[in-house]
Amino acid sequence: MHLLTIADFSREEIDRLLKMAETVKARHKKGIPHRPLMGKTLGLIFEKSSTRTRVSFETAMYHLGGDAIFISQRDSQIGRGEPIKDTARVMSRYVDAIAIRTYGHEIIEEYAKYSTVPVINGLTDLHHPCQVLADVLTIVEKKGTYEGMKVSWIGDGNNMANSWIEAAMRLGFELILACPKGYWPHAEILKRAKAQGSNITVTENIEEAVKNADVLNTDVWASMGQEEEAEKRMRAFDGYQINSKVLGLAKKDAIVMHCLPAHRGEEITEEVLEGPNSVVWDEAENRLHIQKAILEWLLVESSR
């Protein structure tokens, strides 16, 4: 079993993951050891740099009693052109799971095709499932449930937006995405979600998206690999900022989320990021706990 997209899991499986994450987090806070992955090793193959993804996955494995090996392009034959299918089959003989952070989603799909151990999507240009699962965990912590929530996404229809669409498709909450023309989410992902009756709207109107929202969420305007488009994107996303005025249109107890790193003064203001509605730091911490749940699920639960 792999985790390449949120759509890979059913609502029941996602709920189970969230409960597992809550349990491992509570144990961690109380200092209760929980080491179901003793003797297990996670391989981390990163073609894109990272802070939160790498540290949270490595720490998760150590807390669960296992080990992690980090591999960048310069540390292996991957950067010298070894075929993915060869790397996947060899790595499967050495480690018990592989977490990959890369560019094209087809890369991770090929890893999964040839791997005999679970493959986890640590990020591709098309999806970021672990982050959005951590975000949903944060919503449940702060709001008690994801059911009946109005979640607003503001900015780029990027990999985060695509994974939010799949989360709304599976879990049934309302999702409104405010994206400028030309920067909407992936058309096929959106079409598939709507075909299943999901309550998802895409608009260019930020006020429509945030009115009476329970959750406001955003990401940088130019992600890794889009640096050359930064100036063009700055113009396109002008007005798609979470600031105090925009926050004022949401519910008074709305929470503000950002997957980080944040560009203060661009997609979000310092005032809001550091303000009382922000749950950004709890959200970042929850990457650790949801990834513990994912690892335990894939390496223990699903094999029973």
C-alpha atoms as a PDB file:
ATOM      1  CA  MET A   1       0.000   0.000   0.000  1.00  0.00           C
ATOM      2  CA  HIS A   2       1.265   3.472  -0.892  1.00  0.00           C
ATOM      3  CA  LEU A   3       0.299   7.049  -0.038  1.00  0.00           C
ATOM      4  CA  LEU A   4       0.690   9.058  -3.229  1.00  0.00           C
ATOM      5  CA  THR A   5      -2.466  11.173  -2.974  1.00  0.00           C
ATOM      6  CA  ILE A   6      -5.222  11.699  -0.425  1.00  0.00           C
ATOM      7  CA  ALA A   7      -7.603   9.995  -2.841  1.00  0.00           C
ATOM      8  CA  ASP A   8      -5.655   6.777  -2.227  1.00  0.00           C
ATOM      9  CA  PHE A   9      -7.387   6.562   1.172  1.00  0.00           C
ATOM     10  CA  SER A  10     -11.084   6.264   2.001  1.00  0.00           C
ATOM     11  CA  ARG A  11     -12.827   8.555   4.475  1.00  0.00           C
ATOM     12  CA  GLU A  12     -12.757   5.745   7.034  1.00  0.00           C
ATOM     13  CA  GLU A  13      -9.018   5.282   6.576  1.00  0.00           C
ATOM     14  CA  ILE A  14      -8.378   9.023   6.890  1.00  0.00           C
ATOM     15  CA  ASP A  15     -10.445   9.139  10.078  1.00  0.00           C
ATOM     16  CA  ARG A  16      -8.400   6.218  11.398  1.00  0.00           C
ATOM     17  CA  LEU A  17      -5.172   8.059  10.561  1.00  0.00           C
ATOM     18  CA  LEU A  18      -6.386  11.176  12.363  1.00  0.00           C
ATOM     19  CA  LYS A  19      -7.256   9.158  15.467  1.00  0.00           C
ATOM     20  CA  MET A  20      -3.871   7.431  15.379  1.00  0.00           C
ATOM     21  CA  ALA A  21      -2.149  10.825  15.081  1.00  0.00           C
ATOM     22  CA  GLU A  22      -4.102  12.151  18.065  1.00  0.00           C
ATOM     23  CA  THR A  23      -3.082   9.096  20.090  1.00  0.00           C
ATOM     24  CA  VAL A  24       0.641   9.232  19.239  1.00  0.00           C
ATOM     25  CA  LYS A  25       0.675  12.983  19.902  1.00  0.00           C
ATOM     26  CA  ALA A  26      -0.909  12.500  23.335  1.00  0.00           C
ATOM     27  CA  ARG A  27       1.618   9.771  24.164  1.00  0.00           C
ATOM     28  CA  HIS A  28       4.460  12.015  23.043  1.00  0.00           C
ATOM     29  CA  LYS A  29       3.258  14.926  25.193  1.00  0.00           C
ATOM     30  CA  LYS A  30       3.091  12.624  28.218  1.00  0.00           C
ATOM     31  CA  GLY A  31       6.521  11.128  27.523  1.00  0.00           C
ATOM     32  CA  ILE A  32       5.102   7.632  27.013  1.00  0.00           C
ATOM     33  CA  PRO A  33       7.382   5.561  24.731  1.00  0.00           C
ATOM     34  CA  HIS A  34       5.753   4.074  21.636  1.00  0.00           C
ATOM     35  CA  ARG A  35       8.144   2.136  19.405  1.00  0.00           C
ATOM     36  CA  PRO A  36       6.230  -0.109  17.002  1.00  0.00           C
ATOM     37  CA  LEU A  37       8.812   0.422  14.238  1.00  0.00           C
ATOM     38  CA  MET A  38      11.870  -1.030  15.962  1.00  0.00           C
ATOM     39  CA  GLY A  39      14.059  -2.661  13.322  1.00  0.00           C
ATOM     40  CA  LYS A  40      12.392  -0.694  10.514  1.00  0.00           C
ATOM     41  CA  THR A  41      14.168   1.780   8.238  1.00  0.00           C
ATOM     42  CA  LEU A  42      12.734   4.639   6.173  1.00  0.00           C
ATOM     43  CA  GLY A  43      14.556   5.799   3.062  1.00  0.00           C
ATOM     44  CA  LEU A  44      14.154   9.507   2.283  1.00  0.00           C
ATOM     45  CA  ILE A  45      14.772  10.322  -1.386  1.00  0.00           C
ATOM     46  CA  PHE A  46      14.724  14.095  -1.810  1.00  0.00           C
ATOM     47  CA  GLU A  47      15.195  15.823  -5.151  1.00  0.00           C
ATOM     48  CA  LYS A  48      13.720  19.003  -3.621  1.00  0.00           C
ATOM     49  CA  SER A  49      15.132  20.612  -0.501  1.00  0.00           C
ATOM     50  CA  SER A  50      13.061  20.695   2.668  1.00  0.00           C
ATOM     51  CA  THR A  51      12.997  21.673   6.322  1.00  0.00           C
ATOM     52  CA  ARG A  52       9.706  20.403   7.744  1.00  0.00           C
ATOM     53  CA  THR A  53       9.305  17.295   5.575  1.00  0.00           C
ATOM     54  CA  ARG A  54      12.773  15.923   6.210  1.00  0.00           C
ATOM     55  CA  VAL A  55      12.975  16.722   9.937  1.00  0.00           C
ATOM     56  CA  SER A  56       9.431  15.541  10.680  1.00  0.00           C
ATOM     57  CA  PHE A  57       9.894  12.218   8.865  1.00  0.00           C
ATOM     58  CA  GLU A  58      13.290  11.531  10.438  1.00  0.00           C
ATOM     59  CA  THR A  59      12.072  12.464  13.925  1.00  0.00           C
ATOM     60  CA  ALA A  60       8.914  10.411  13.442  1.00  0.00           C
ATOM     61  CA  MET A  61      10.950   7.302  12.666  1.00  0.00           C
ATOM     62  CA  TYR A  62      13.257   7.844  15.643  1.00  0.00           C
ATOM     63  CA  HIS A  63      10.331   8.388  18.023  1.00  0.00           C
ATOM     64  CA  LEU A  64       8.692   5.191  16.738  1.00  0.00           C
ATOM     65  CA  GLY A  65      11.874   3.207  17.326  1.00  0.00           C
ATOM     66  CA  GLY A  66      13.059   3.016  13.726  1.00  0.00           C
ATOM     67  CA  ASP A  67      15.797   4.605  11.656  1.00  0.00           C
ATOM     68  CA  ALA A  68      15.885   6.943   8.653  1.00  0.00           C
ATOM     69  CA  ILE A  69      18.402   7.338   5.832  1.00  0.00           C
ATOM     70  CA  PHE A  70      18.442  10.599   3.881  1.00  0.00           C
ATOM     71  CA  ILE A  71      19.449  10.477   0.203  1.00  0.00           C
ATOM     72  CA  SER A  72      19.787  13.540  -2.010  1.00  0.00           C
ATOM     73  CA  GLN A  73      20.519  13.521  -5.725  1.00  0.00           C
ATOM     74  CA  ARG A  74      24.192  14.247  -5.117  1.00  0.00           C
ATOM     75  CA  ASP A  75      24.442  11.352  -2.645  1.00  0.00           C
ATOM     76  CA  SER A  76      23.333   8.585  -5.003  1.00  0.00           C
ATOM     77  CA  GLN A  77      23.229   7.302  -8.556  1.00  0.00           C
ATOM     78  CA  ILE A  78      19.824   8.965  -9.017  1.00  0.00           C
ATOM     79  CA  GLY A  79      21.532  12.204  -9.957  1.00  0.00           C
ATOM     80  CA  ARG A  80      23.686  10.347 -12.498  1.00  0.00           C
ATOM     81  CA  GLY A  81      20.724   9.013 -14.428  1.00  0.00           C
ATOM     82  CA  GLU A  82      20.056   5.594 -12.919  1.00  0.00           C
ATOM     83  CA  PRO A  83      16.532   4.544 -13.996  1.00  0.00           C
ATOM     84  CA  ILE A  84      13.833   5.022 -11.381  1.00  0.00           C
ATOM     85  CA  LYS A  85      12.723   1.407 -11.727  1.00  0.00           C
ATOM     86  CA  ASP A  86      16.228   0.227 -10.825  1.00  0.00           C
ATOM     87  CA  THR A  87      16.505   2.523  -7.806  1.00  0.00           C
ATOM     88  CA  ALA A  88      13.042   1.531  -6.593  1.00  0.00           C
ATOM     89  CA  ARG A  89      13.739  -2.198  -6.776  1.00  0.00           C
ATOM     90  CA  VAL A  90      17.119  -1.929  -5.075  1.00  0.00           C
ATOM     91  CA  MET A  91      15.875   0.393  -2.315  1.00  0.00           C
ATOM     92  CA  SER A  92      13.022  -2.039  -1.657  1.00  0.00           C
ATOM     93  CA  ARG A  93      15.644  -4.653  -0.704  1.00  0.00           C
ATOM     94  CA  TYR A  94      17.278  -2.288   1.817  1.00  0.00           C
ATOM     95  CA  VAL A  95      14.529  -0.286   3.530  1.00  0.00           C
ATOM     96  CA  ASP A  96      10.981  -0.867   4.764  1.00  0.00           C
ATOM     97  CA  ALA A  97       9.402   2.270   3.290  1.00  0.00           C
ATOM     98  CA  ILE A  98      10.417   5.140   1.010  1.00  0.00           C
ATOM     99  CA  ALA A  99       9.376   8.792   1.330  1.00  0.00           C
ATOM    100  CA  ILE A 100      10.007  10.827  -1.807  1.00  0.00           C
ATOM    101  CA  ARG A 101      10.059  14.585  -2.394  1.00  0.00           C
ATOM    102  CA  THR A 102      10.346  15.348  -6.089  1.00  0.00           C
ATOM    103  CA  TYR A 103       9.036  17.321  -9.059  1.00  0.00           C
ATOM    104  CA  GLY A 104       6.775  15.531 -11.558  1.00  0.00           C
ATOM    105  CA  HIS A 105       4.103  13.306 -10.034  1.00  0.00           C
ATOM    106  CA  GLU A 106       4.848  10.653 -12.649  1.00  0.00           C
ATOM    107  CA  ILE A 107       8.232  10.153 -10.938  1.00  0.00           C
ATOM    108  CA  ILE A 108       6.693   9.010  -7.678  1.00  0.00           C
ATOM    109  CA  GLU A 109       4.136   6.900  -9.549  1.00  0.00           C
ATOM    110  CA  GLU A 110       6.983   5.028 -11.228  1.00  0.00           C
ATOM    111  CA  TYR A 111       8.709   4.501  -7.882  1.00  0.00           C
ATOM    112  CA  ALA A 112       5.470   3.048  -6.522  1.00  0.00           C
ATOM    113  CA  LYS A 113       5.026   0.803  -9.564  1.00  0.00           C
ATOM    114  CA  TYR A 114       8.384  -0.917  -9.048  1.00  0.00           C
ATOM    115  CA  SER A 115       8.723  -0.681  -5.258  1.00  0.00           C
ATOM    116  CA  THR A 116       7.794  -3.661  -3.117  1.00  0.00           C
ATOM    117  CA  VAL A 117       7.659  -1.489   0.028  1.00  0.00           C
ATOM    118  CA  PRO A 118       5.298   1.421   0.775  1.00  0.00           C
ATOM    119  CA  VAL A 119       6.045   4.679  -1.040  1.00  0.00           C
ATOM    120  CA  ILE A 120       4.993   7.966   0.604  1.00  0.00           C
ATOM    121  CA  ASN A 121       4.590  11.231  -1.264  1.00  0.00           C
ATOM    122  CA  GLY A 122       6.573  13.868   0.634  1.00  0.00           C
ATOM    123  CA  LEU A 123       5.662  16.376  -2.114  1.00  0.00           C
ATOM    124  CA  THR A 124       5.344  16.492  -5.881  1.00  0.00           C
ATOM    125  CA  ASP A 125       4.390  19.370  -8.129  1.00  0.00           C
ATOM    126  CA  LEU A 126       0.860  17.941  -8.274  1.00  0.00           C
ATOM    127  CA  HIS A 127       0.105  16.804  -4.693  1.00  0.00           C
ATOM    128  CA  HIS A 128       1.184  17.370  -1.079  1.00  0.00           C
ATOM    129  CA  PRO A 129      -0.932  14.838   0.854  1.00  0.00           C
ATOM    130  CA  CYS A 130       1.029  14.647   4.121  1.00  0.00           C
ATOM    131  CA  GLN A 131       0.791  18.402   4.624  1.00  0.00           C
ATOM    132  CA  VAL A 132      -2.953  18.525   3.999  1.00  0.00           C
ATOM    133  CA  LEU A 133      -3.552  15.558   6.319  1.00  0.00           C
ATOM    134  CA  ALA A 134      -1.628  17.474   9.003  1.00  0.00           C
ATOM    135  CA  ASP A 135      -3.802  20.499   8.259  1.00  0.00           C
ATOM    136  CA  VAL A 136      -7.004  18.486   8.658  1.00  0.00           C
ATOM    137  CA  LEU A 137      -5.642  17.131  11.959  1.00  0.00           C
ATOM    138  CA  THR A 138      -5.125  20.745  13.066  1.00  0.00           C
ATOM    139  CA  ILE A 139      -8.691  21.677  12.110  1.00  0.00           C
ATOM    140  CA  VAL A 140     -10.033  18.756  14.150  1.00  0.00           C
ATOM    141  CA  GLU A 141      -7.921  19.833  17.135  1.00  0.00           C
ATOM    142  CA  LYS A 142      -9.043  23.452  16.970  1.00  0.00           C
ATOM    143  CA  LYS A 143     -12.661  23.007  15.833  1.00  0.00           C
ATOM    144  CA  GLY A 144     -13.528  19.552  17.143  1.00  0.00           C
ATOM    145  CA  THR A 145     -14.374  18.246  13.668  1.00  0.00           C
ATOM    146  CA  TYR A 146     -13.910  18.866   9.966  1.00  0.00           C
ATOM    147  CA  GLU A 147     -17.595  18.215   9.325  1.00  0.00           C
ATOM    148  CA  GLY A 148     -19.608  21.315   8.451  1.00  0.00           C
ATOM    149  CA  MET A 149     -16.497  23.448   8.112  1.00  0.00           C
ATOM    150  CA  LYS A 150     -16.090  26.062   5.398  1.00  0.00           C
ATOM    151  CA  VAL A 151     -12.439  25.979   4.331  1.00  0.00           C
ATOM    152  CA  SER A 152     -11.106  28.794   2.138  1.00  0.00           C
ATOM    153  CA  TRP A 153      -7.974  28.463   0.056  1.00  0.00           C
ATOM    154  CA  ILE A 154      -6.504  31.758  -1.162  1.00  0.00           C
ATOM    155  CA  GLY A 155      -3.844  32.081  -3.849  1.00  0.00           C
ATOM    156  CA  ASP A 156      -2.203  29.576  -6.166  1.00  0.00           C
ATOM    157  CA  GLY A 157      -4.076  26.488  -7.337  1.00  0.00           C
ATOM    158  CA  ASN A 158      -0.949  24.458  -6.657  1.00  0.00           C
ATOM    159  CA  ASN A 159      -0.166  21.029  -5.216  1.00  0.00           C
ATOM    160  CA  MET A 160      -1.610  22.082  -1.862  1.00  0.00           C
ATOM    161  CA  ALA A 161      -4.843  23.217  -3.494  1.00  0.00           C
ATOM    162  CA  ASN A 162      -5.081  19.924  -5.387  1.00  0.00           C
ATOM    163  CA  SER A 163      -4.677  17.914  -2.192  1.00  0.00           C
ATOM    164  CA  TRP A 164      -7.251  20.110  -0.437  1.00  0.00           C
ATOM    165  CA  ILE A 165      -9.691  19.297  -3.246  1.00  0.00           C
ATOM    166  CA  GLU A 166      -9.132  15.580  -2.692  1.00  0.00           C
ATOM    167  CA  ALA A 167      -9.542  16.026   1.078  1.00  0.00           C
ATOM    168  CA  ALA A 168     -12.879  17.796   0.544  1.00  0.00           C
ATOM    169  CA  MET A 169     -13.892  15.059  -1.883  1.00  0.00           C
ATOM    170  CA  ARG A 170     -13.193  12.343   0.668  1.00  0.00           C
ATOM    171  CA  LEU A 171     -14.332  14.114   3.872  1.00  0.00           C
ATOM    172  CA  GLY A 172     -17.250  16.207   2.647  1.00  0.00           C
ATOM    173  CA  PHE A 173     -16.497  19.657   4.081  1.00  0.00           C
ATOM    174  CA  GLU A 174     -17.096  22.807   2.030  1.00  0.00           C
ATOM    175  CA  LEU A 175     -14.062  24.114   0.132  1.00  0.00           C
ATOM    176  CA  ILE A 176     -13.851  27.415  -1.705  1.00  0.00           C
ATOM    177  CA  LEU A 177     -10.686  28.309  -3.595  1.00  0.00           C
ATOM    178  CA  ALA A 178      -9.975  31.906  -4.592  1.00  0.00           C
ATOM    179  CA  CYS A 179      -7.378  31.827  -7.373  1.00  0.00           C
ATOM    180  CA  PRO A 180      -6.567  34.363 -10.098  1.00  0.00           C
ATOM    181  CA  LYS A 181      -7.345  33.461 -13.677  1.00  0.00           C
ATOM    182  CA  GLY A 182      -4.702  31.175 -15.127  1.00  0.00           C
ATOM    183  CA  TYR A 183      -3.710  29.799 -11.709  1.00  0.00           C
ATOM    184  CA  TRP A 184      -6.623  27.499 -10.929  1.00  0.00           C
ATOM    185  CA  PRO A 185      -6.190  23.962  -9.554  1.00  0.00           C
ATOM    186  CA  HIS A 186      -5.618  20.964 -11.803  1.00  0.00           C
ATOM    187  CA  ALA A 187      -8.685  20.631 -14.048  1.00  0.00           C
ATOM    188  CA  GLU A 188      -8.937  16.832 -13.939  1.00  0.00           C
ATOM    189  CA  ILE A 189      -8.607  16.658 -10.145  1.00  0.00           C
ATOM    190  CA  LEU A 190     -11.314  19.298  -9.802  1.00  0.00           C
ATOM    191  CA  LYS A 191     -13.558  17.571 -12.348  1.00  0.00           C
ATOM    192  CA  ARG A 192     -13.224  14.215 -10.589  1.00  0.00           C
ATOM    193  CA  ALA A 193     -14.100  15.741  -7.203  1.00  0.00           C
ATOM    194  CA  LYS A 194     -17.132  17.566  -8.545  1.00  0.00           C
ATOM    195  CA  ALA A 195     -18.329  14.415 -10.310  1.00  0.00           C
ATOM    196  CA  GLN A 196     -18.573  12.808  -6.870  1.00  0.00           C
ATOM    197  CA  GLY A 197     -20.832  15.590  -5.620  1.00  0.00           C
ATOM    198  CA  SER A 198     -18.200  17.450  -3.601  1.00  0.00           C
ATOM    199  CA  ASN A 199     -19.069  20.900  -2.257  1.00  0.00           C
ATOM    200  CA  ILE A 200     -16.167  22.664  -3.970  1.00  0.00           C
ATOM    201  CA  THR A 201     -16.148  26.092  -5.625  1.00  0.00           C
ATOM    202  CA  VAL A 202     -13.367  27.897  -7.484  1.00  0.00           C
ATOM    203  CA  THR A 203     -13.677  31.651  -7.856  1.00  0.00           C
ATOM    204  CA  GLU A 204     -11.546  34.690  -8.618  1.00  0.00           C
ATOM    205  CA  ASN A 205     -13.391  36.631  -5.893  1.00  0.00           C
ATOM    206  CA  ILE A 206     -11.497  36.497  -2.591  1.00  0.00           C
ATOM    207  CA  GLU A 207     -14.361  38.098  -0.633  1.00  0.00           C
ATOM    208  CA  GLU A 208     -16.759  35.379  -1.783  1.00  0.00           C
ATOM    209  CA  ALA A 209     -14.270  32.727  -0.718  1.00  0.00           C
ATOM    210  CA  VAL A 210     -13.593  33.986   2.797  1.00  0.00           C
ATOM    211  CA  LYS A 211     -17.052  35.217   3.830  1.00  0.00           C
ATOM    212  CA  ASN A 212     -18.067  33.335   7.008  1.00  0.00           C
ATOM    213  CA  ALA A 213     -15.199  30.883   6.574  1.00  0.00           C
ATOM    214  CA  ASP A 214     -14.055  28.695   9.467  1.00  0.00           C
ATOM    215  CA  VAL A 215     -10.560  28.176   8.042  1.00  0.00           C
ATOM    216  CA  LEU A 216      -8.349  30.436   5.912  1.00  0.00           C
ATOM    217  CA  ASN A 217      -5.388  28.818   4.220  1.00  0.00           C
ATOM    218  CA  THR A 218      -2.685  29.943   1.808  1.00  0.00           C
ATOM    219  CA  ASP A 219       0.774  29.200   0.422  1.00  0.00           C
ATOM    220  CA  VAL A 220       3.594  31.105  -1.251  1.00  0.00           C
ATOM    221  CA  TRP A 221       2.848  32.590  -4.660  1.00  0.00           C
ATOM    222  CA  ALA A 222       5.954  31.080  -6.289  1.00  0.00           C
ATOM    223  CA  SER A 223       6.909  27.575  -5.201  1.00  0.00           C
ATOM    224  CA  MET A 224      10.209  25.767  -5.700  1.00  0.00           C
ATOM    225  CA  GLY A 225      10.992  25.564  -9.400  1.00  0.00           C
ATOM    226  CA  GLN A 226       8.919  28.672 -10.186  1.00  0.00           C
ATOM    227  CA  GLU A 227      11.489  31.294  -9.229  1.00  0.00           C
ATOM    228  CA  GLU A 228      11.732  32.606 -12.794  1.00  0.00           C
ATOM    229  CA  GLU A 229       7.993  33.345 -12.691  1.00  0.00           C
ATOM    230  CA  ALA A 230       8.177  35.262  -9.408  1.00  0.00           C
ATOM    231  CA  GLU A 231       7.708  38.747 -10.858  1.00  0.00           C
ATOM    232  CA  LYS A 232       4.834  37.649 -13.092  1.00  0.00           C
ATOM    233  CA  ARG A 233       3.194  35.861 -10.196  1.00  0.00           C
ATOM    234  CA  MET A 234       3.548  38.885  -7.912  1.00  0.00           C
ATOM    235  CA  ARG A 235       1.400  40.843 -10.376  1.00  0.00           C
ATOM    236  CA  ALA A 236      -1.114  38.036 -10.890  1.00  0.00           C
ATOM    237  CA  PHE A 237      -1.648  37.445  -7.169  1.00  0.00           C
ATOM    238  CA  ASP A 238      -1.933  41.088  -6.187  1.00  0.00           C
ATOM    239  CA  GLY A 239      -5.002  41.240  -3.944  1.00  0.00           C
ATOM    240  CA  TYR A 240      -4.890  37.555  -2.970  1.00  0.00           C
ATOM    241  CA  GLN A 241      -3.388  38.185   0.444  1.00  0.00           C
ATOM    242  CA  ILE A 242      -4.621  37.113   3.853  1.00  0.00           C
ATOM    243  CA  ASN A 243      -4.567  40.350   5.850  1.00  0.00           C
ATOM    244  CA  SER A 244      -6.637  41.810   8.691  1.00  0.00           C
ATOM    245  CA  LYS A 245      -9.310  43.063   6.275  1.00  0.00           C
ATOM    246  CA  VAL A 246      -9.714  39.641   4.668  1.00  0.00           C
ATOM    247  CA  LEU A 247      -9.657  37.919   8.063  1.00  0.00           C
ATOM    248  CA  GLY A 248     -12.435  40.276   9.166  1.00  0.00           C
ATOM    249  CA  LEU A 249     -14.742  38.777   6.523  1.00  0.00           C
ATOM    250  CA  ALA A 250     -14.398  35.286   8.001  1.00  0.00           C
ATOM    251  CA  LYS A 251     -15.968  34.051  11.220  1.00  0.00           C
ATOM    252  CA  LYS A 252     -14.609  35.677  14.381  1.00  0.00           C
ATOM    253  CA  ASP A 253     -13.121  32.391  15.532  1.00  0.00           C
ATOM    254  CA  ALA A 254     -11.700  31.476  12.114  1.00  0.00           C
ATOM    255  CA  ILE A 255      -8.267  29.875  12.145  1.00  0.00           C
ATOM    256  CA  VAL A 256      -5.487  30.864   9.752  1.00  0.00           C
ATOM    257  CA  MET A 257      -3.173  28.249   8.278  1.00  0.00           C
ATOM    258  CA  HIS A 258      -0.025  28.301   6.149  1.00  0.00           C
ATOM    259  CA  CYS A 259       2.132  25.280   5.272  1.00  0.00           C
ATOM    260  CA  LEU A 260       5.339  27.376   5.448  1.00  0.00           C
ATOM    261  CA  PRO A 261       7.755  28.795   4.553  1.00  0.00           C
ATOM    262  CA  ALA A 262       5.826  32.086   4.551  1.00  0.00           C
ATOM    263  CA  HIS A 263       6.689  35.226   2.624  1.00  0.00           C
ATOM    264  CA  ARG A 264       5.443  37.878   5.007  1.00  0.00           C
ATOM    265  CA  GLY A 265       3.933  40.834   3.205  1.00  0.00           C
ATOM    266  CA  GLU A 266       3.085  38.774   0.120  1.00  0.00           C
ATOM    267  CA  GLU A 267       0.525  35.983   0.558  1.00  0.00           C
ATOM    268  CA  ILE A 268       0.037  36.787   4.259  1.00  0.00           C
ATOM    269  CA  THR A 269       0.806  39.730   6.517  1.00  0.00           C
ATOM    270  CA  GLU A 270       3.004  39.598   9.587  1.00  0.00           C
ATOM    271  CA  GLU A 271       0.048  40.807  11.658  1.00  0.00           C
ATOM    272  CA  VAL A 272      -2.125  37.845  10.706  1.00  0.00           C
ATOM    273  CA  LEU A 273       0.635  35.229  10.706  1.00  0.00           C
ATOM    274  CA  GLU A 274       1.634  36.169  14.246  1.00  0.00           C
ATOM    275  CA  GLY A 275      -1.902  37.033  15.375  1.00  0.00           C
ATOM    276  CA  PRO A 276      -4.343  35.212  17.681  1.00  0.00           C
ATOM    277  CA  ASN A 277      -6.170  33.450  14.833  1.00  0.00           C
ATOM    278  CA  SER A 278      -2.991  31.867  13.482  1.00  0.00           C
ATOM    279  CA  VAL A 279      -2.469  28.154  14.166  1.00  0.00           C
ATOM    280  CA  VAL A 280       0.551  27.917  11.873  1.00  0.00           C
ATOM    281  CA  TRP A 281       2.990  26.597  14.477  1.00  0.00           C
ATOM    282  CA  ASP A 282       0.598  23.916  15.727  1.00  0.00           C
ATOM    283  CA  GLU A 283      -0.005  23.011  12.087  1.00  0.00           C
ATOM    284  CA  ALA A 284       3.740  22.656  11.503  1.00  0.00           C
ATOM    285  CA  GLU A 285       4.121  20.452  14.588  1.00  0.00           C
ATOM    286  CA  ASN A 286       1.318  18.214  13.382  1.00  0.00           C
ATOM    287  CA  ARG A 287       3.413  17.179  10.390  1.00  0.00           C
ATOM    288  CA  LEU A 288       5.382  15.098  12.900  1.00  0.00           C
ATOM    289  CA  HIS A 289       2.344  13.420  14.406  1.00  0.00           C
ATOM    290  CA  ILE A 290       0.430  12.702  11.203  1.00  0.00           C
ATOM    291  CA  GLN A 291       3.587  11.208   9.692  1.00  0.00           C
ATOM    292  CA  LYS A 292       3.975   8.946  12.691  1.00  0.00           C
ATOM    293  CA  ALA A 293       0.445   7.750  12.052  1.00  0.00           C
ATOM    294  CA  ILE A 294       1.120   7.281   8.325  1.00  0.00           C
ATOM    295  CA  LEU A 295       4.284   5.280   8.989  1.00  0.00           C
ATOM    296  CA  GLU A 296       2.650   3.074  11.613  1.00  0.00           C
ATOM    297  CA  TRP A 297      -0.373   2.571   9.349  1.00  0.00           C
ATOM    298  CA  LEU A 298       1.690   1.532   6.327  1.00  0.00           C
ATOM    299  CA  LEU A 299       4.285  -0.556   8.157  1.00  0.00           C
ATOM    300  CA  VAL A 300       2.171  -2.173  10.893  1.00  0.00           C
ATOM    301  CA  GLU A 301      -1.589  -1.716  10.565  1.00  0.00           C
ATOM    302  CA  SER A 302      -1.993  -2.427   6.851  1.00  0.00           C
ATOM    303  CA  SER A 303       0.135  -5.584   7.075  1.00  0.00           C
ATOM    304  CA  ARG A 304      -2.030  -7.215   9.714  1.00  0.00           C
END
